[in-house]
């Protein structure tokens, strides 16, 4: 979709003012989530950092305030992998509406053995997908109360080469950490696409957008002590990689644009411009496997059964899964 003729070009360093809006960023205390929160804080909105650790949330908010004068920040204790805690966490938000949520919190495990969440689900699938699926269900009344809220799902370039095994979605029979991670992020992205289809069918004002950060490395990310400290050695050693990938501050930009740009539409995929790995945020063609609505529908049904809730919009509220 071409930009409106009156719309200025998108400038990642001059974000629009959106005073009075409320944004929630899950996992906003570290990594890409931190930079999403930092960048959104420059807009005048109230940014809520959803974090498992209150101590880390406070450190992240202090780092943002050191760079953003007048930043409006709040912390929300949120353990996305604990499904039974999500209803109370949403109640603790105490906001009249939510203008956007960035579903960013995640875990990536490098080595076996397979781990499970407190609910008995494989940990990466539980954190990256199931928790966000359930959280969206609990947030739907607040999102529906906003005039044009957005759900922005943070996917991963690692998901592009993966395919879901819906007969073994939790890798009980064949657990390989890197593949399981990629599939958990792919599940998130399917969810973001399917959510938008259901929102459109229901005539909801809420839209769902999928974003991914491309290749985002700690070694190319500027320091934000104490959240992230980059050594001189790490910076110099990563210099050649900067030709292909980028830092996490830049990896945050597709999600930030998906939250703020009025030209972004539901069901779109946003990522870095250059080969999907680095550069300014732009709209990508939806990956071929993400267009398979039959896979998305099966995943949705399985997720609703596993979580006990269903984010399908119905009168702007929560549906309990059958």
C-alpha atoms as a PDB file:
ATOM      1  CA  UNK A   1       0.000   0.000   0.000  1.00  0.00           C
ATOM      2  CA  UNK A   2       1.599   3.337  -1.037  1.00  0.00           C
ATOM      3  CA  UNK A   3       1.898   6.046   1.615  1.00  0.00           C
ATOM      4  CA  UNK A   4      -0.688   8.791   1.751  1.00  0.00           C
ATOM      5  CA  UNK A   5       0.574  11.783  -0.297  1.00  0.00           C
ATOM      6  CA  UNK A   6       0.397  14.048   2.763  1.00  0.00           C
ATOM      7  CA  UNK A   7       2.325  11.668   4.985  1.00  0.00           C
ATOM      8  CA  UNK A   8       5.993  12.541   5.542  1.00  0.00           C
ATOM      9  CA  UNK A   9       8.598   9.807   5.057  1.00  0.00           C
ATOM     10  CA  UNK A  10       9.092   7.627   8.114  1.00  0.00           C
ATOM     11  CA  UNK A  11      12.069   8.773  10.181  1.00  0.00           C
ATOM     12  CA  UNK A  12      13.315   6.263  12.757  1.00  0.00           C
ATOM     13  CA  UNK A  13      15.000   9.084  14.686  1.00  0.00           C
ATOM     14  CA  UNK A  14      11.995  11.441  14.760  1.00  0.00           C
ATOM     15  CA  UNK A  15       9.054   9.439  15.958  1.00  0.00           C
ATOM     16  CA  UNK A  16       5.622  11.082  16.104  1.00  0.00           C
ATOM     17  CA  UNK A  17       4.176  12.389  19.371  1.00  0.00           C
ATOM     18  CA  UNK A  18       1.337  10.263  20.706  1.00  0.00           C
ATOM     19  CA  UNK A  19       0.809  11.741  24.161  1.00  0.00           C
ATOM     20  CA  UNK A  20      -1.961  10.067  26.139  1.00  0.00           C
ATOM     21  CA  UNK A  21      -1.591   6.612  24.613  1.00  0.00           C
ATOM     22  CA  UNK A  22      -0.778   3.479  26.588  1.00  0.00           C
ATOM     23  CA  UNK A  23       1.627   0.821  25.301  1.00  0.00           C
ATOM     24  CA  UNK A  24       2.665  -2.492  26.878  1.00  0.00           C
ATOM     25  CA  UNK A  25       5.945  -4.171  25.914  1.00  0.00           C
ATOM     26  CA  UNK A  26       6.450  -7.700  27.196  1.00  0.00           C
ATOM     27  CA  UNK A  27      10.071  -8.404  28.036  1.00  0.00           C
ATOM     28  CA  UNK A  28      10.779  -4.675  28.012  1.00  0.00           C
ATOM     29  CA  UNK A  29      13.691  -4.913  30.417  1.00  0.00           C
ATOM     30  CA  UNK A  30      16.319  -6.381  28.075  1.00  0.00           C
ATOM     31  CA  UNK A  31      17.362  -7.004  24.489  1.00  0.00           C
ATOM     32  CA  UNK A  32      15.135  -5.825  21.682  1.00  0.00           C
ATOM     33  CA  UNK A  33      12.234  -5.285  24.084  1.00  0.00           C
ATOM     34  CA  UNK A  34      14.260  -2.713  25.994  1.00  0.00           C
ATOM     35  CA  UNK A  35      14.927  -0.718  22.828  1.00  0.00           C
ATOM     36  CA  UNK A  36      11.269  -0.944  21.764  1.00  0.00           C
ATOM     37  CA  UNK A  37      10.351   0.565  25.133  1.00  0.00           C
ATOM     38  CA  UNK A  38      13.083   3.218  24.933  1.00  0.00           C
ATOM     39  CA  UNK A  39      12.031   4.328  21.467  1.00  0.00           C
ATOM     40  CA  UNK A  40       8.319   4.367  22.299  1.00  0.00           C
ATOM     41  CA  UNK A  41       9.091   6.435  25.410  1.00  0.00           C
ATOM     42  CA  UNK A  42      10.255   9.305  23.172  1.00  0.00           C
ATOM     43  CA  UNK A  43       6.695   9.721  21.836  1.00  0.00           C
ATOM     44  CA  UNK A  44       5.105  10.941  25.075  1.00  0.00           C
ATOM     45  CA  UNK A  45       3.063   7.778  25.509  1.00  0.00           C
ATOM     46  CA  UNK A  46       2.954   5.860  28.776  1.00  0.00           C
ATOM     47  CA  UNK A  47       5.046   2.733  28.225  1.00  0.00           C
ATOM     48  CA  UNK A  48       4.506  -0.234  30.528  1.00  0.00           C
ATOM     49  CA  UNK A  49       7.399  -2.687  30.784  1.00  0.00           C
ATOM     50  CA  UNK A  50       6.055  -6.174  31.410  1.00  0.00           C
ATOM     51  CA  UNK A  51       8.866  -8.041  33.167  1.00  0.00           C
ATOM     52  CA  UNK A  52       9.230 -11.113  35.337  1.00  0.00           C
ATOM     53  CA  UNK A  53      11.789  -9.386  37.592  1.00  0.00           C
ATOM     54  CA  UNK A  54      10.799  -6.074  39.262  1.00  0.00           C
ATOM     55  CA  UNK A  55      14.498  -5.365  39.923  1.00  0.00           C
ATOM     56  CA  UNK A  56      15.378  -5.661  36.233  1.00  0.00           C
ATOM     57  CA  UNK A  57      12.354  -3.577  35.315  1.00  0.00           C
ATOM     58  CA  UNK A  58      13.532  -0.766  37.598  1.00  0.00           C
ATOM     59  CA  UNK A  59      17.019  -0.908  36.084  1.00  0.00           C
ATOM     60  CA  UNK A  60      15.576  -0.699  32.575  1.00  0.00           C
ATOM     61  CA  UNK A  61      13.354   2.250  33.470  1.00  0.00           C
ATOM     62  CA  UNK A  62      16.324   4.070  35.012  1.00  0.00           C
ATOM     63  CA  UNK A  63      18.323   3.515  31.806  1.00  0.00           C
ATOM     64  CA  UNK A  64      15.462   4.875  29.673  1.00  0.00           C
ATOM     65  CA  UNK A  65      14.985   7.919  31.903  1.00  0.00           C
ATOM     66  CA  UNK A  66      18.703   8.679  31.606  1.00  0.00           C
ATOM     67  CA  UNK A  67      18.210   9.084  27.840  1.00  0.00           C
ATOM     68  CA  UNK A  68      14.593  10.253  27.481  1.00  0.00           C
ATOM     69  CA  UNK A  69      13.604  13.386  29.376  1.00  0.00           C
ATOM     70  CA  UNK A  70      10.130  13.139  30.865  1.00  0.00           C
ATOM     71  CA  UNK A  71       9.698   9.475  29.946  1.00  0.00           C
ATOM     72  CA  UNK A  72       6.372   8.121  31.204  1.00  0.00           C
ATOM     73  CA  UNK A  73       7.127   4.587  32.348  1.00  0.00           C
ATOM     74  CA  UNK A  74       5.545   1.908  34.491  1.00  0.00           C
ATOM     75  CA  UNK A  75       6.558  -1.610  35.422  1.00  0.00           C
ATOM     76  CA  UNK A  76       4.203  -4.584  35.428  1.00  0.00           C
ATOM     77  CA  UNK A  77       5.266  -7.850  37.014  1.00  0.00           C
ATOM     78  CA  UNK A  78       4.557 -10.346  34.258  1.00  0.00           C
ATOM     79  CA  UNK A  79       5.697 -13.953  33.914  1.00  0.00           C
ATOM     80  CA  UNK A  80       4.519 -14.786  30.432  1.00  0.00           C
ATOM     81  CA  UNK A  81       5.287 -18.503  30.889  1.00  0.00           C
ATOM     82  CA  UNK A  82       2.949 -18.831  33.902  1.00  0.00           C
ATOM     83  CA  UNK A  83      -0.521 -19.007  32.391  1.00  0.00           C
ATOM     84  CA  UNK A  84      -2.302 -18.897  35.740  1.00  0.00           C
ATOM     85  CA  UNK A  85      -0.743 -15.502  36.554  1.00  0.00           C
ATOM     86  CA  UNK A  86      -1.824 -13.601  33.466  1.00  0.00           C
ATOM     87  CA  UNK A  87      -5.360 -12.615  34.470  1.00  0.00           C
ATOM     88  CA  UNK A  88      -4.101 -10.956  37.662  1.00  0.00           C
ATOM     89  CA  UNK A  89      -1.263  -9.256  35.805  1.00  0.00           C
ATOM     90  CA  UNK A  90      -3.681  -7.691  33.335  1.00  0.00           C
ATOM     91  CA  UNK A  91      -5.919  -6.544  36.193  1.00  0.00           C
ATOM     92  CA  UNK A  92      -2.879  -4.837  37.751  1.00  0.00           C
ATOM     93  CA  UNK A  93      -2.427  -2.686  34.637  1.00  0.00           C
ATOM     94  CA  UNK A  94      -5.192  -0.361  35.823  1.00  0.00           C
ATOM     95  CA  UNK A  95      -5.435   1.566  32.559  1.00  0.00           C
ATOM     96  CA  UNK A  96      -8.651   2.657  30.816  1.00  0.00           C
ATOM     97  CA  UNK A  97      -7.533   1.175  27.520  1.00  0.00           C
ATOM     98  CA  UNK A  98      -4.463  -0.181  25.765  1.00  0.00           C
ATOM     99  CA  UNK A  99      -3.437   1.356  22.453  1.00  0.00           C
ATOM    100  CA  UNK A 100      -0.842  -1.299  21.603  1.00  0.00           C
ATOM    101  CA  UNK A 101       0.876  -4.351  23.004  1.00  0.00           C
ATOM    102  CA  UNK A 102       4.213  -5.572  21.676  1.00  0.00           C
ATOM    103  CA  UNK A 103       4.415  -9.327  22.227  1.00  0.00           C
ATOM    104  CA  UNK A 104       8.178  -9.511  22.555  1.00  0.00           C
ATOM    105  CA  UNK A 105       9.168 -11.499  25.669  1.00  0.00           C
ATOM    106  CA  UNK A 106      10.947 -14.697  24.793  1.00  0.00           C
ATOM    107  CA  UNK A 107      13.425 -17.341  25.737  1.00  0.00           C
ATOM    108  CA  UNK A 108      16.031 -19.089  23.584  1.00  0.00           C
ATOM    109  CA  UNK A 109      17.742 -22.182  24.957  1.00  0.00           C
ATOM    110  CA  UNK A 110      20.978 -23.389  23.405  1.00  0.00           C
ATOM    111  CA  UNK A 111      21.435 -26.792  24.979  1.00  0.00           C
ATOM    112  CA  UNK A 112      19.415 -29.813  26.015  1.00  0.00           C
ATOM    113  CA  UNK A 113      17.764 -31.085  28.119  1.00  0.00           C
ATOM    114  CA  UNK A 114      14.227 -30.047  27.269  1.00  0.00           C
ATOM    115  CA  UNK A 115      12.689 -27.795  29.928  1.00  0.00           C
ATOM    116  CA  UNK A 116       9.063 -27.192  30.873  1.00  0.00           C
ATOM    117  CA  UNK A 117       7.125 -24.237  32.227  1.00  0.00           C
ATOM    118  CA  UNK A 118       5.202 -24.323  35.507  1.00  0.00           C
ATOM    119  CA  UNK A 119       2.175 -25.407  33.474  1.00  0.00           C
ATOM    120  CA  UNK A 120       4.023 -28.393  31.999  1.00  0.00           C
ATOM    121  CA  UNK A 121       4.580 -26.987  28.509  1.00  0.00           C
ATOM    122  CA  UNK A 122       7.906 -26.966  26.655  1.00  0.00           C
ATOM    123  CA  UNK A 123       9.510 -23.744  27.859  1.00  0.00           C
ATOM    124  CA  UNK A 124      10.208 -21.969  24.568  1.00  0.00           C
ATOM    125  CA  UNK A 125       6.800 -22.824  23.100  1.00  0.00           C
ATOM    126  CA  UNK A 126       5.175 -21.797  26.402  1.00  0.00           C
ATOM    127  CA  UNK A 127       6.971 -18.469  26.644  1.00  0.00           C
ATOM    128  CA  UNK A 128       7.221 -17.377  23.045  1.00  0.00           C
ATOM    129  CA  UNK A 129       3.803 -18.514  21.860  1.00  0.00           C
ATOM    130  CA  UNK A 130       1.323 -19.885  24.394  1.00  0.00           C
ATOM    131  CA  UNK A 131       1.851 -17.145  26.968  1.00  0.00           C
ATOM    132  CA  UNK A 132       1.332 -14.407  24.397  1.00  0.00           C
ATOM    133  CA  UNK A 133      -1.714 -16.185  22.974  1.00  0.00           C
ATOM    134  CA  UNK A 134      -3.290 -16.246  26.443  1.00  0.00           C
ATOM    135  CA  UNK A 135      -2.154 -12.739  27.370  1.00  0.00           C
ATOM    136  CA  UNK A 136      -3.837 -11.355  24.247  1.00  0.00           C
ATOM    137  CA  UNK A 137      -7.086 -12.994  25.305  1.00  0.00           C
ATOM    138  CA  UNK A 138      -6.972 -11.268  28.696  1.00  0.00           C
ATOM    139  CA  UNK A 139      -5.972  -7.948  27.099  1.00  0.00           C
ATOM    140  CA  UNK A 140      -8.707  -7.928  24.449  1.00  0.00           C
ATOM    141  CA  UNK A 141     -11.199  -5.840  26.480  1.00  0.00           C
ATOM    142  CA  UNK A 142      -8.566  -3.121  27.017  1.00  0.00           C
ATOM    143  CA  UNK A 143      -7.474  -3.243  23.373  1.00  0.00           C
ATOM    144  CA  UNK A 144     -11.091  -3.053  22.199  1.00  0.00           C
ATOM    145  CA  UNK A 145     -11.616   0.039  24.362  1.00  0.00           C
ATOM    146  CA  UNK A 146      -9.048   1.983  22.310  1.00  0.00           C
ATOM    147  CA  UNK A 147     -10.104   3.613  19.037  1.00  0.00           C
ATOM    148  CA  UNK A 148      -7.557   1.709  16.896  1.00  0.00           C
ATOM    149  CA  UNK A 149      -5.362  -0.577  19.007  1.00  0.00           C
ATOM    150  CA  UNK A 150      -2.614  -2.762  17.611  1.00  0.00           C
ATOM    151  CA  UNK A 151      -1.228  -6.128  18.622  1.00  0.00           C
ATOM    152  CA  UNK A 152       2.356  -6.314  17.361  1.00  0.00           C
ATOM    153  CA  UNK A 153       3.890  -9.773  17.463  1.00  0.00           C
ATOM    154  CA  UNK A 154       7.681  -9.964  17.438  1.00  0.00           C
ATOM    155  CA  UNK A 155       8.692 -12.881  15.270  1.00  0.00           C
ATOM    156  CA  UNK A 156      12.153 -13.962  14.195  1.00  0.00           C
ATOM    157  CA  UNK A 157      14.088 -14.365  10.973  1.00  0.00           C
ATOM    158  CA  UNK A 158      14.971 -17.816  12.369  1.00  0.00           C
ATOM    159  CA  UNK A 159      11.365 -18.833  11.722  1.00  0.00           C
ATOM    160  CA  UNK A 160      11.641 -18.312   7.982  1.00  0.00           C
ATOM    161  CA  UNK A 161      13.294 -21.676   7.356  1.00  0.00           C
ATOM    162  CA  UNK A 162      11.171 -23.620   9.856  1.00  0.00           C
ATOM    163  CA  UNK A 163       7.876 -25.463   9.512  1.00  0.00           C
ATOM    164  CA  UNK A 164       5.540 -26.449  12.333  1.00  0.00           C
ATOM    165  CA  UNK A 165       4.993 -30.058  13.342  1.00  0.00           C
ATOM    166  CA  UNK A 166       1.447 -29.857  14.666  1.00  0.00           C
ATOM    167  CA  UNK A 167       1.578 -33.514  15.684  1.00  0.00           C
ATOM    168  CA  UNK A 168       4.396 -32.591  18.086  1.00  0.00           C
ATOM    169  CA  UNK A 169       4.097 -28.838  18.719  1.00  0.00           C
ATOM    170  CA  UNK A 170       5.953 -29.052  22.048  1.00  0.00           C
ATOM    171  CA  UNK A 171       8.869 -31.151  20.775  1.00  0.00           C
ATOM    172  CA  UNK A 172       8.150 -34.023  23.137  1.00  0.00           C
ATOM    173  CA  UNK A 173       9.438 -36.630  20.681  1.00  0.00           C
ATOM    174  CA  UNK A 174      12.214 -34.770  18.857  1.00  0.00           C
ATOM    175  CA  UNK A 175      13.706 -31.886  20.833  1.00  0.00           C
ATOM    176  CA  UNK A 176      16.449 -29.837  19.192  1.00  0.00           C
ATOM    177  CA  UNK A 177      16.862 -26.427  20.868  1.00  0.00           C
ATOM    178  CA  UNK A 178      17.543 -24.244  17.840  1.00  0.00           C
ATOM    179  CA  UNK A 179      14.794 -25.843  15.785  1.00  0.00           C
ATOM    180  CA  UNK A 180      12.349 -25.740  18.687  1.00  0.00           C
ATOM    181  CA  UNK A 181      13.117 -22.048  19.160  1.00  0.00           C
ATOM    182  CA  UNK A 182      12.540 -21.281  15.471  1.00  0.00           C
ATOM    183  CA  UNK A 183       9.262 -23.187  15.525  1.00  0.00           C
ATOM    184  CA  UNK A 184       8.078 -21.403  18.659  1.00  0.00           C
ATOM    185  CA  UNK A 185       8.681 -18.059  16.955  1.00  0.00           C
ATOM    186  CA  UNK A 186       6.966 -19.313  13.812  1.00  0.00           C
ATOM    187  CA  UNK A 187       3.967 -20.249  15.951  1.00  0.00           C
ATOM    188  CA  UNK A 188       3.920 -16.677  17.271  1.00  0.00           C
ATOM    189  CA  UNK A 189       3.919 -15.318  13.740  1.00  0.00           C
ATOM    190  CA  UNK A 190       1.109 -17.642  12.638  1.00  0.00           C
ATOM    191  CA  UNK A 191      -0.839 -16.390  15.650  1.00  0.00           C
ATOM    192  CA  UNK A 192      -0.329 -12.759  14.661  1.00  0.00           C
ATOM    193  CA  UNK A 193      -1.584 -13.435  11.123  1.00  0.00           C
ATOM    194  CA  UNK A 194      -4.560 -15.518  12.209  1.00  0.00           C
ATOM    195  CA  UNK A 195      -5.508 -13.008  14.896  1.00  0.00           C
ATOM    196  CA  UNK A 196      -5.829 -10.294  12.282  1.00  0.00           C
ATOM    197  CA  UNK A 197      -8.038 -12.493  10.091  1.00  0.00           C
ATOM    198  CA  UNK A 198     -10.360 -13.073  13.049  1.00  0.00           C
ATOM    199  CA  UNK A 199     -10.372  -9.419  14.043  1.00  0.00           C
ATOM    200  CA  UNK A 200     -11.325  -8.408  10.489  1.00  0.00           C
ATOM    201  CA  UNK A 201     -14.074 -11.014  10.325  1.00  0.00           C
ATOM    202  CA  UNK A 202     -15.509  -9.668  13.585  1.00  0.00           C
ATOM    203  CA  UNK A 203     -15.340  -6.047  12.421  1.00  0.00           C
ATOM    204  CA  UNK A 204     -13.046  -5.175  15.329  1.00  0.00           C
ATOM    205  CA  UNK A 205     -11.139  -1.866  15.412  1.00  0.00           C
ATOM    206  CA  UNK A 206      -8.119  -3.785  16.765  1.00  0.00           C
ATOM    207  CA  UNK A 207      -5.490  -4.827  14.214  1.00  0.00           C
ATOM    208  CA  UNK A 208      -2.675  -7.371  14.394  1.00  0.00           C
ATOM    209  CA  UNK A 209       0.729  -6.845  12.771  1.00  0.00           C
ATOM    210  CA  UNK A 210       3.779  -9.131  12.689  1.00  0.00           C
ATOM    211  CA  UNK A 211       7.334  -7.778  12.862  1.00  0.00           C
ATOM    212  CA  UNK A 212      10.791  -9.278  13.067  1.00  0.00           C
ATOM    213  CA  UNK A 213      14.187  -7.706  13.920  1.00  0.00           C
ATOM    214  CA  UNK A 214      16.314  -9.327  11.229  1.00  0.00           C
ATOM    215  CA  UNK A 215      19.805 -10.177  12.425  1.00  0.00           C
ATOM    216  CA  UNK A 216      20.303  -8.350  15.727  1.00  0.00           C
ATOM    217  CA  UNK A 217      23.491  -8.901  17.742  1.00  0.00           C
ATOM    218  CA  UNK A 218      24.483  -7.766  21.233  1.00  0.00           C
ATOM    219  CA  UNK A 219      27.962  -6.947  19.915  1.00  0.00           C
ATOM    220  CA  UNK A 220      26.498  -4.342  17.526  1.00  0.00           C
ATOM    221  CA  UNK A 221      24.199  -2.869  20.151  1.00  0.00           C
ATOM    222  CA  UNK A 222      25.133   0.376  21.930  1.00  0.00           C
ATOM    223  CA  UNK A 223      25.626   0.261  25.693  1.00  0.00           C
ATOM    224  CA  UNK A 224      22.737   0.999  28.010  1.00  0.00           C
ATOM    225  CA  UNK A 225      24.198   0.338  31.445  1.00  0.00           C
ATOM    226  CA  UNK A 226      23.280  -1.579  33.489  1.00  0.00           C
ATOM    227  CA  UNK A 227      20.896  -3.246  31.018  1.00  0.00           C
ATOM    228  CA  UNK A 228      23.563  -3.839  28.368  1.00  0.00           C
ATOM    229  CA  UNK A 229      27.266  -2.989  28.376  1.00  0.00           C
ATOM    230  CA  UNK A 230      29.262  -3.436  25.171  1.00  0.00           C
ATOM    231  CA  UNK A 231      33.018  -3.716  25.500  1.00  0.00           C
ATOM    232  CA  UNK A 232      35.456  -2.176  23.042  1.00  0.00           C
ATOM    233  CA  UNK A 233      36.653  -5.661  22.133  1.00  0.00           C
ATOM    234  CA  UNK A 234      33.124  -6.801  21.314  1.00  0.00           C
ATOM    235  CA  UNK A 235      32.518  -3.711  19.200  1.00  0.00           C
ATOM    236  CA  UNK A 236      35.706  -4.143  17.181  1.00  0.00           C
ATOM    237  CA  UNK A 237      35.248  -7.884  16.789  1.00  0.00           C
ATOM    238  CA  UNK A 238      31.733  -7.431  15.439  1.00  0.00           C
ATOM    239  CA  UNK A 239      32.640  -4.742  12.885  1.00  0.00           C
ATOM    240  CA  UNK A 240      32.689  -7.133   9.878  1.00  0.00           C
ATOM    241  CA  UNK A 241      29.241  -8.491  10.826  1.00  0.00           C
ATOM    242  CA  UNK A 242      27.788  -4.984  10.524  1.00  0.00           C
ATOM    243  CA  UNK A 243      27.853  -5.436   6.746  1.00  0.00           C
ATOM    244  CA  UNK A 244      25.131  -8.082   7.063  1.00  0.00           C
ATOM    245  CA  UNK A 245      23.326  -7.610  10.372  1.00  0.00           C
ATOM    246  CA  UNK A 246      22.680  -4.911  12.970  1.00  0.00           C
ATOM    247  CA  UNK A 247      22.290  -4.128  16.664  1.00  0.00           C
ATOM    248  CA  UNK A 248      19.231  -4.682  18.789  1.00  0.00           C
ATOM    249  CA  UNK A 249      18.442  -0.957  18.855  1.00  0.00           C
ATOM    250  CA  UNK A 250      17.945  -1.169  15.095  1.00  0.00           C
ATOM    251  CA  UNK A 251      16.207  -4.532  15.339  1.00  0.00           C
ATOM    252  CA  UNK A 252      13.532  -2.845  17.475  1.00  0.00           C
ATOM    253  CA  UNK A 253      12.553  -0.416  14.723  1.00  0.00           C
ATOM    254  CA  UNK A 254      10.159  -2.616  12.686  1.00  0.00           C
ATOM    255  CA  UNK A 255       8.050  -3.251  15.805  1.00  0.00           C
ATOM    256  CA  UNK A 256       8.115   0.429  16.762  1.00  0.00           C
ATOM    257  CA  UNK A 257       6.947   1.426  13.299  1.00  0.00           C
ATOM    258  CA  UNK A 258       4.243  -1.241  13.449  1.00  0.00           C
ATOM    259  CA  UNK A 259       2.961   0.387  16.646  1.00  0.00           C
ATOM    260  CA  UNK A 260       3.082   4.017  15.503  1.00  0.00           C
ATOM    261  CA  UNK A 261       2.810   4.429  11.742  1.00  0.00           C
ATOM    262  CA  UNK A 262      -0.812   5.078  10.679  1.00  0.00           C
ATOM    263  CA  UNK A 263       0.018   3.629   7.265  1.00  0.00           C
ATOM    264  CA  UNK A 264       0.664   0.167   8.711  1.00  0.00           C
ATOM    265  CA  UNK A 265      -2.244  -2.218   8.145  1.00  0.00           C
ATOM    266  CA  UNK A 266      -3.367  -5.353   9.910  1.00  0.00           C
ATOM    267  CA  UNK A 267      -2.008  -8.637   8.609  1.00  0.00           C
ATOM    268  CA  UNK A 268       1.232  -7.086   7.360  1.00  0.00           C
ATOM    269  CA  UNK A 269       4.789  -8.264   8.035  1.00  0.00           C
ATOM    270  CA  UNK A 270       7.460  -5.658   8.832  1.00  0.00           C
ATOM    271  CA  UNK A 271      11.200  -6.218   8.985  1.00  0.00           C
ATOM    272  CA  UNK A 272      14.540  -4.638   8.001  1.00  0.00           C
ATOM    273  CA  UNK A 273      14.843  -3.490   4.407  1.00  0.00           C
ATOM    274  CA  UNK A 274      18.117  -5.163   3.361  1.00  0.00           C
ATOM    275  CA  UNK A 275      17.603  -8.883   2.764  1.00  0.00           C
ATOM    276  CA  UNK A 276      15.388  -8.961   5.853  1.00  0.00           C
ATOM    277  CA  UNK A 277      18.510  -8.717   8.029  1.00  0.00           C
ATOM    278  CA  UNK A 278      19.396  -5.056   8.485  1.00  0.00           C
ATOM    279  CA  UNK A 279      18.322  -1.561   7.561  1.00  0.00           C
ATOM    280  CA  UNK A 280      15.307   0.699   7.939  1.00  0.00           C
ATOM    281  CA  UNK A 281      11.941  -0.940   8.693  1.00  0.00           C
ATOM    282  CA  UNK A 282       9.764  -1.722   5.689  1.00  0.00           C
ATOM    283  CA  UNK A 283       6.806  -3.883   4.754  1.00  0.00           C
ATOM    284  CA  UNK A 284       7.801  -7.329   3.475  1.00  0.00           C
ATOM    285  CA  UNK A 285       5.824  -9.749   1.417  1.00  0.00           C
ATOM    286  CA  UNK A 286       4.273 -12.241   3.796  1.00  0.00           C
ATOM    287  CA  UNK A 287       6.358 -15.422   3.860  1.00  0.00           C
ATOM    288  CA  UNK A 288       4.705 -18.165   1.815  1.00  0.00           C
ATOM    289  CA  UNK A 289       4.202 -20.611   4.693  1.00  0.00           C
ATOM    290  CA  UNK A 290       2.578 -17.896   6.839  1.00  0.00           C
ATOM    291  CA  UNK A 291      -0.234 -17.633   4.281  1.00  0.00           C
ATOM    292  CA  UNK A 292      -1.386 -21.198   5.043  1.00  0.00           C
ATOM    293  CA  UNK A 293      -4.625 -20.540   6.911  1.00  0.00           C
ATOM    294  CA  UNK A 294      -5.212 -24.246   7.562  1.00  0.00           C
ATOM    295  CA  UNK A 295      -2.017 -24.497   9.628  1.00  0.00           C
ATOM    296  CA  UNK A 296      -2.895 -21.284  11.458  1.00  0.00           C
ATOM    297  CA  UNK A 297      -6.375 -22.584  12.271  1.00  0.00           C
ATOM    298  CA  UNK A 298      -5.053 -25.890  13.623  1.00  0.00           C
ATOM    299  CA  UNK A 299      -2.450 -24.102  15.715  1.00  0.00           C
ATOM    300  CA  UNK A 300      -5.097 -21.725  17.080  1.00  0.00           C
ATOM    301  CA  UNK A 301      -7.337 -24.600  18.122  1.00  0.00           C
ATOM    302  CA  UNK A 302      -4.458 -26.433  19.825  1.00  0.00           C
ATOM    303  CA  UNK A 303      -3.345 -23.245  21.586  1.00  0.00           C
ATOM    304  CA  UNK A 304      -6.828 -22.543  22.905  1.00  0.00           C
ATOM    305  CA  UNK A 305      -7.029 -26.076  24.283  1.00  0.00           C
ATOM    306  CA  UNK A 306      -3.604 -25.838  25.945  1.00  0.00           C
ATOM    307  CA  UNK A 307      -4.193 -22.404  27.491  1.00  0.00           C
ATOM    308  CA  UNK A 308      -7.891 -22.656  28.310  1.00  0.00           C
ATOM    309  CA  UNK A 309      -8.631 -19.263  26.710  1.00  0.00           C
ATOM    310  CA  UNK A 310      -9.327 -17.972  23.219  1.00  0.00           C
ATOM    311  CA  UNK A 311      -8.452 -14.433  22.028  1.00  0.00           C
ATOM    312  CA  UNK A 312     -11.007 -14.528  19.214  1.00  0.00           C
ATOM    313  CA  UNK A 313     -12.874 -11.210  19.438  1.00  0.00           C
ATOM    314  CA  UNK A 314     -16.396 -11.518  20.748  1.00  0.00           C
ATOM    315  CA  UNK A 315     -18.004  -8.291  21.952  1.00  0.00           C
ATOM    316  CA  UNK A 316     -14.500  -7.012  22.686  1.00  0.00           C
ATOM    317  CA  UNK A 317     -13.942  -9.511  25.472  1.00  0.00           C
ATOM    318  CA  UNK A 318     -12.368 -12.760  26.542  1.00  0.00           C
ATOM    319  CA  UNK A 319     -13.641 -16.108  25.366  1.00  0.00           C
ATOM    320  CA  UNK A 320     -13.053 -19.228  27.391  1.00  0.00           C
ATOM    321  CA  UNK A 321     -11.833 -22.099  25.285  1.00  0.00           C
ATOM    322  CA  UNK A 322     -14.080 -25.156  25.043  1.00  0.00           C
END
